[in-house]
Every structure is written in C-alpha cells, then in structure tokens.
C-alpha cells in the first residue's frame, strides 16, 4: 500500500485513443509520458468552493489496447481499477513500470486528496479531457509491478475455495 503525493494526469478511453493516434502519426503528445502518471478517471462537475468534483478510478482494462504502445513511448505509472491483461502485465515488467489499484466506490473521498486541478488537453472531451491533478496522500495498492507480480492473481489464488 502507498500514499501517493504529487502530480498525475487523468486520461480515459477517448484521450488514450487520441494519444495512440498521435503516436502512430508521429505527432507530439500533450503530456510527457516519461514523467507522467496516468489516473484512469474523469471528474464529475466541480461544486462551488471545491477543487474538483467526485473522482474515482474507471475500469482499467478499457485502456489495455493502448497501454503497451504508450509504455513503449515512456509511460511507467498507471492508476485505475481492476486487473490488467497479460499484455499489459508483460509491458509493466518489460518497461519497469507499476500499475496501482485505486479504491473504487469512494470517489467523494478521493476528491479530498486533490489539491489542484488544471485542464491540459482535449477540452472537447468534457470530463474525459486530460487534466493534471496535484494530489496528497492518495491511497493506492501496487497491483502489477516491474518484477511481474500481479496482486489480482496472487490474492485470488490465496483465497480460492474451489480449484
């Protein structure tokens, strides 16, 4: 378990598609993947007097088709919900990355970890635009690491009742 503090970017399906298209066309990306941590999330509307609306992780496997190529471009840190494909787990190991599992169902509490939010790119995507968040003590769990460990597999096997 970790408490993450620092800057991270939000990006979901539509933003990933655009980044993949940019890479394939040789165009610059709106973020430097070599220094980016990507949180698979999109905030709800921001209430008055708040930094951000509720924000929780989305199901990460929806980004699996894009992830190996983005990792090849430098992405090393991802945050989301749920297990990843074999291809993503292999890319995490190959490129020395980490996939953090965020806690689903506590989006209002997660929003309290966000101290600052700014729009970065793809404004036309609305909530799914890329934003930079400055977070403090965001609770996460290492789900996949650079040694090939996969928390979803080890824990399921540990508690499996039937073979």
C-alpha atoms as a PDB file:
ATOM      1  CA  UNK A   1       0.000   0.000   0.000  1.00  0.00           C
ATOM      2  CA  UNK A   2       1.157   3.524  -0.753  1.00  0.00           C
ATOM      3  CA  UNK A   3       0.015   7.089  -0.243  1.00  0.00           C
ATOM      4  CA  UNK A   4       0.831   8.958  -3.456  1.00  0.00           C
ATOM      5  CA  UNK A   5       1.521  12.691  -3.423  1.00  0.00           C
ATOM      6  CA  UNK A   6       2.434  14.783  -6.457  1.00  0.00           C
ATOM      7  CA  UNK A   7       1.145  15.428  -9.946  1.00  0.00           C
ATOM      8  CA  UNK A   8      -0.758  12.959 -12.097  1.00  0.00           C
ATOM      9  CA  UNK A   9      -2.821  13.186 -15.259  1.00  0.00           C
ATOM     10  CA  UNK A  10      -6.371  11.997 -15.831  1.00  0.00           C
ATOM     11  CA  UNK A  11      -7.000  10.145 -19.089  1.00  0.00           C
ATOM     12  CA  UNK A  12      -9.661   7.671 -20.106  1.00  0.00           C
ATOM     13  CA  UNK A  13     -10.629   5.834 -23.298  1.00  0.00           C
ATOM     14  CA  UNK A  14     -11.134   8.789 -25.644  1.00  0.00           C
ATOM     15  CA  UNK A  15      -7.923  10.539 -24.548  1.00  0.00           C
ATOM     16  CA  UNK A  16      -5.989   7.282 -24.916  1.00  0.00           C
ATOM     17  CA  UNK A  17      -7.348   6.843 -28.446  1.00  0.00           C
ATOM     18  CA  UNK A  18      -6.156  10.358 -29.352  1.00  0.00           C
ATOM     19  CA  UNK A  19      -2.731   9.790 -27.834  1.00  0.00           C
ATOM     20  CA  UNK A  20      -2.382   6.483 -29.694  1.00  0.00           C
ATOM     21  CA  UNK A  21      -3.394   8.195 -32.962  1.00  0.00           C
ATOM     22  CA  UNK A  22      -0.816  10.949 -32.309  1.00  0.00           C
ATOM     23  CA  UNK A  23       1.956   8.396 -31.699  1.00  0.00           C
ATOM     24  CA  UNK A  24       1.042   6.496 -34.855  1.00  0.00           C
ATOM     25  CA  UNK A  25       1.092   9.737 -36.886  1.00  0.00           C
ATOM     26  CA  UNK A  26       4.355  10.927 -35.339  1.00  0.00           C
ATOM     27  CA  UNK A  27       2.667  13.934 -33.704  1.00  0.00           C
ATOM     28  CA  UNK A  28       3.640  15.325 -30.298  1.00  0.00           C
ATOM     29  CA  UNK A  29       1.682  14.201 -27.257  1.00  0.00           C
ATOM     30  CA  UNK A  30       0.040  16.706 -24.895  1.00  0.00           C
ATOM     31  CA  UNK A  31       1.941  15.206 -21.934  1.00  0.00           C
ATOM     32  CA  UNK A  32       5.459  13.867 -21.494  1.00  0.00           C
ATOM     33  CA  UNK A  33       4.820  10.186 -20.881  1.00  0.00           C
ATOM     34  CA  UNK A  34       8.323   9.748 -19.454  1.00  0.00           C
ATOM     35  CA  UNK A  35       7.344  11.840 -16.423  1.00  0.00           C
ATOM     36  CA  UNK A  36       3.582  11.206 -16.350  1.00  0.00           C
ATOM     37  CA  UNK A  37       1.488   9.130 -14.017  1.00  0.00           C
ATOM     38  CA  UNK A  38      -1.910   8.496 -15.608  1.00  0.00           C
ATOM     39  CA  UNK A  39      -5.045   8.091 -13.490  1.00  0.00           C
ATOM     40  CA  UNK A  40      -7.854   6.386 -15.396  1.00  0.00           C
ATOM     41  CA  UNK A  41     -10.536   8.752 -14.147  1.00  0.00           C
ATOM     42  CA  UNK A  42     -12.806  11.646 -15.081  1.00  0.00           C
ATOM     43  CA  UNK A  43     -14.161  14.084 -12.513  1.00  0.00           C
ATOM     44  CA  UNK A  44     -17.801  14.910 -12.024  1.00  0.00           C
ATOM     45  CA  UNK A  45     -18.682  18.646 -12.156  1.00  0.00           C
ATOM     46  CA  UNK A  46     -16.890  20.750  -9.568  1.00  0.00           C
ATOM     47  CA  UNK A  47     -19.174  22.042  -6.800  1.00  0.00           C
ATOM     48  CA  UNK A  48     -18.792  25.693  -5.756  1.00  0.00           C
ATOM     49  CA  UNK A  49     -15.895  26.209  -3.378  1.00  0.00           C
ATOM     50  CA  UNK A  50     -14.250  22.872  -4.227  1.00  0.00           C
ATOM     51  CA  UNK A  51     -11.148  21.991  -6.250  1.00  0.00           C
ATOM     52  CA  UNK A  52     -12.808  19.082  -8.044  1.00  0.00           C
ATOM     53  CA  UNK A  53     -15.998  17.048  -8.082  1.00  0.00           C
ATOM     54  CA  UNK A  54     -16.069  13.393  -7.152  1.00  0.00           C
ATOM     55  CA  UNK A  55     -13.396  11.392  -8.932  1.00  0.00           C
ATOM     56  CA  UNK A  56     -12.847   7.677  -8.850  1.00  0.00           C
ATOM     57  CA  UNK A  57     -10.998   5.124 -10.956  1.00  0.00           C
ATOM     58  CA  UNK A  58     -12.525   3.638 -14.063  1.00  0.00           C
ATOM     59  CA  UNK A  59     -12.078   0.041 -15.162  1.00  0.00           C
ATOM     60  CA  UNK A  60      -8.513  -0.158 -16.414  1.00  0.00           C
ATOM     61  CA  UNK A  61      -8.919  -2.990 -18.910  1.00  0.00           C
ATOM     62  CA  UNK A  62     -10.631  -0.466 -21.193  1.00  0.00           C
ATOM     63  CA  UNK A  63      -7.171   1.095 -21.713  1.00  0.00           C
ATOM     64  CA  UNK A  64      -5.369  -2.218 -22.258  1.00  0.00           C
ATOM     65  CA  UNK A  65      -5.367  -1.945 -26.058  1.00  0.00           C
ATOM     66  CA  UNK A  66      -3.455   1.361 -25.819  1.00  0.00           C
ATOM     67  CA  UNK A  67      -1.164   0.707 -22.864  1.00  0.00           C
ATOM     68  CA  UNK A  68       1.734  -1.338 -24.317  1.00  0.00           C
ATOM     69  CA  UNK A  69       2.390   1.257 -27.047  1.00  0.00           C
ATOM     70  CA  UNK A  70       2.145   4.134 -24.576  1.00  0.00           C
ATOM     71  CA  UNK A  71       4.563   2.311 -22.276  1.00  0.00           C
ATOM     72  CA  UNK A  72       6.909   1.921 -25.231  1.00  0.00           C
ATOM     73  CA  UNK A  73       6.746   5.733 -25.508  1.00  0.00           C
ATOM     74  CA  UNK A  74       7.765   6.167 -21.859  1.00  0.00           C
ATOM     75  CA  UNK A  75       4.677   5.733 -19.683  1.00  0.00           C
ATOM     76  CA  UNK A  76       5.604   3.944 -16.452  1.00  0.00           C
ATOM     77  CA  UNK A  77       2.884   4.716 -13.881  1.00  0.00           C
ATOM     78  CA  UNK A  78      -0.827   3.963 -14.225  1.00  0.00           C
ATOM     79  CA  UNK A  79      -3.652   4.143 -11.698  1.00  0.00           C
ATOM     80  CA  UNK A  80      -7.034   2.523 -12.124  1.00  0.00           C
ATOM     81  CA  UNK A  81      -9.433  -0.192 -11.026  1.00  0.00           C
ATOM     82  CA  UNK A  82      -9.411  -3.895 -11.820  1.00  0.00           C
ATOM     83  CA  UNK A  83      -6.980  -6.376 -13.287  1.00  0.00           C
ATOM     84  CA  UNK A  84      -4.922  -5.869 -16.431  1.00  0.00           C
ATOM     85  CA  UNK A  85      -4.388  -8.105 -19.453  1.00  0.00           C
ATOM     86  CA  UNK A  86      -1.385 -10.394 -19.843  1.00  0.00           C
ATOM     87  CA  UNK A  87      -0.031  -7.975 -22.462  1.00  0.00           C
ATOM     88  CA  UNK A  88      -0.167  -5.026 -20.079  1.00  0.00           C
ATOM     89  CA  UNK A  89       1.338  -7.040 -17.209  1.00  0.00           C
ATOM     90  CA  UNK A  90       4.176  -8.072 -19.550  1.00  0.00           C
ATOM     91  CA  UNK A  91       4.711  -4.439 -20.636  1.00  0.00           C
ATOM     92  CA  UNK A  92       4.794  -3.301 -16.991  1.00  0.00           C
ATOM     93  CA  UNK A  93       7.519  -5.871 -16.340  1.00  0.00           C
ATOM     94  CA  UNK A  94       9.422  -5.173 -19.584  1.00  0.00           C
ATOM     95  CA  UNK A  95       9.491  -1.395 -19.175  1.00  0.00           C
ATOM     96  CA  UNK A  96       9.911  -1.278 -15.391  1.00  0.00           C
ATOM     97  CA  UNK A  97       6.521   0.237 -14.666  1.00  0.00           C
ATOM     98  CA  UNK A  98       3.879  -0.018 -11.997  1.00  0.00           C
ATOM     99  CA  UNK A  99       0.100  -0.240 -12.050  1.00  0.00           C
ATOM    100  CA  UNK A 100      -1.579   1.000  -8.900  1.00  0.00           C
ATOM    101  CA  UNK A 101      -5.057  -0.113  -7.958  1.00  0.00           C
ATOM    102  CA  UNK A 102      -7.202   2.711  -6.621  1.00  0.00           C
ATOM    103  CA  UNK A 103     -10.135   2.125  -4.344  1.00  0.00           C
ATOM    104  CA  UNK A 104     -13.427   2.091  -6.221  1.00  0.00           C
ATOM    105  CA  UNK A 105     -16.618   3.431  -4.675  1.00  0.00           C
ATOM    106  CA  UNK A 106     -15.045   6.252  -2.682  1.00  0.00           C
ATOM    107  CA  UNK A 107     -14.923   8.971  -5.355  1.00  0.00           C
ATOM    108  CA  UNK A 108     -16.030  11.733  -2.952  1.00  0.00           C
ATOM    109  CA  UNK A 109     -13.258  10.784  -0.527  1.00  0.00           C
ATOM    110  CA  UNK A 110     -10.691  10.519  -3.337  1.00  0.00           C
ATOM    111  CA  UNK A 111     -11.600  14.080  -4.366  1.00  0.00           C
ATOM    112  CA  UNK A 112     -10.418  15.269  -0.948  1.00  0.00           C
ATOM    113  CA  UNK A 113      -6.896  14.137  -1.905  1.00  0.00           C
ATOM    114  CA  UNK A 114      -6.900  16.518  -4.902  1.00  0.00           C
ATOM    115  CA  UNK A 115      -5.382  19.892  -4.010  1.00  0.00           C
ATOM    116  CA  UNK A 116      -5.238  21.425  -7.502  1.00  0.00           C
ATOM    117  CA  UNK A 117      -6.675  20.671 -10.961  1.00  0.00           C
ATOM    118  CA  UNK A 118      -5.932  22.193 -14.383  1.00  0.00           C
ATOM    119  CA  UNK A 119      -7.084  21.338 -17.899  1.00  0.00           C
ATOM    120  CA  UNK A 120      -4.198  20.145 -20.098  1.00  0.00           C
ATOM    121  CA  UNK A 121      -5.595  18.867 -23.418  1.00  0.00           C
ATOM    122  CA  UNK A 122      -8.603  17.648 -25.399  1.00  0.00           C
ATOM    123  CA  UNK A 123     -11.068  20.078 -23.809  1.00  0.00           C
ATOM    124  CA  UNK A 124     -13.747  18.948 -26.275  1.00  0.00           C
ATOM    125  CA  UNK A 125     -13.852  15.592 -24.472  1.00  0.00           C
ATOM    126  CA  UNK A 126     -15.516  17.234 -21.473  1.00  0.00           C
ATOM    127  CA  UNK A 127     -14.957  15.195 -18.301  1.00  0.00           C
ATOM    128  CA  UNK A 128     -12.642  12.874 -20.255  1.00  0.00           C
ATOM    129  CA  UNK A 129     -10.249  15.687 -21.208  1.00  0.00           C
ATOM    130  CA  UNK A 130      -6.709  15.332 -19.886  1.00  0.00           C
ATOM    131  CA  UNK A 131      -6.238  17.210 -16.631  1.00  0.00           C
ATOM    132  CA  UNK A 132      -3.312  17.493 -14.276  1.00  0.00           C
ATOM    133  CA  UNK A 133      -4.118  16.874 -10.644  1.00  0.00           C
ATOM    134  CA  UNK A 134      -1.925  17.649  -7.679  1.00  0.00           C
ATOM    135  CA  UNK A 135      -2.740  15.038  -5.058  1.00  0.00           C
ATOM    136  CA  UNK A 136      -1.779  14.491  -1.451  1.00  0.00           C
ATOM    137  CA  UNK A 137      -1.851  11.068   0.206  1.00  0.00           C
ATOM    138  CA  UNK A 138      -3.944   9.326  -2.462  1.00  0.00           C
ATOM    139  CA  UNK A 139      -4.370   5.750  -1.133  1.00  0.00           C
ATOM    140  CA  UNK A 140      -3.298   3.090  -3.646  1.00  0.00           C
ATOM    141  CA  UNK A 141      -2.189  -0.529  -3.794  1.00  0.00           C
ATOM    142  CA  UNK A 142       0.567  -1.899  -6.028  1.00  0.00           C
ATOM    143  CA  UNK A 143      -1.338  -4.274  -8.307  1.00  0.00           C
ATOM    144  CA  UNK A 144       1.270  -5.017 -11.021  1.00  0.00           C
ATOM    145  CA  UNK A 145       4.962  -4.344 -10.621  1.00  0.00           C
ATOM    146  CA  UNK A 146       8.193  -4.491 -12.609  1.00  0.00           C
ATOM    147  CA  UNK A 147       9.018  -7.938 -11.206  1.00  0.00           C
ATOM    148  CA  UNK A 148       5.909  -9.455 -12.756  1.00  0.00           C
ATOM    149  CA  UNK A 149       3.896  -9.629  -9.548  1.00  0.00           C
ATOM    150  CA  UNK A 150       0.136  -9.424 -10.039  1.00  0.00           C
ATOM    151  CA  UNK A 151      -1.866  -8.784  -6.878  1.00  0.00           C
ATOM    152  CA  UNK A 152      -5.122  -9.802  -8.556  1.00  0.00           C
ATOM    153  CA  UNK A 153      -3.753 -13.272  -9.328  1.00  0.00           C
ATOM    154  CA  UNK A 154      -1.902 -13.875  -6.064  1.00  0.00           C
ATOM    155  CA  UNK A 155      -4.804 -12.789  -3.873  1.00  0.00           C
ATOM    156  CA  UNK A 156      -7.446 -14.659  -5.876  1.00  0.00           C
ATOM    157  CA  UNK A 157      -5.368 -17.808  -5.660  1.00  0.00           C
ATOM    158  CA  UNK A 158      -4.766 -17.301  -1.950  1.00  0.00           C
ATOM    159  CA  UNK A 159      -8.489 -17.174  -1.152  1.00  0.00           C
ATOM    160  CA  UNK A 160      -9.857 -19.524  -3.807  1.00  0.00           C
ATOM    161  CA  UNK A 161     -12.030 -22.191  -2.236  1.00  0.00           C
ATOM    162  CA  UNK A 162     -12.606 -24.303  -5.336  1.00  0.00           C
ATOM    163  CA  UNK A 163      -9.792 -25.317  -7.728  1.00  0.00           C
END
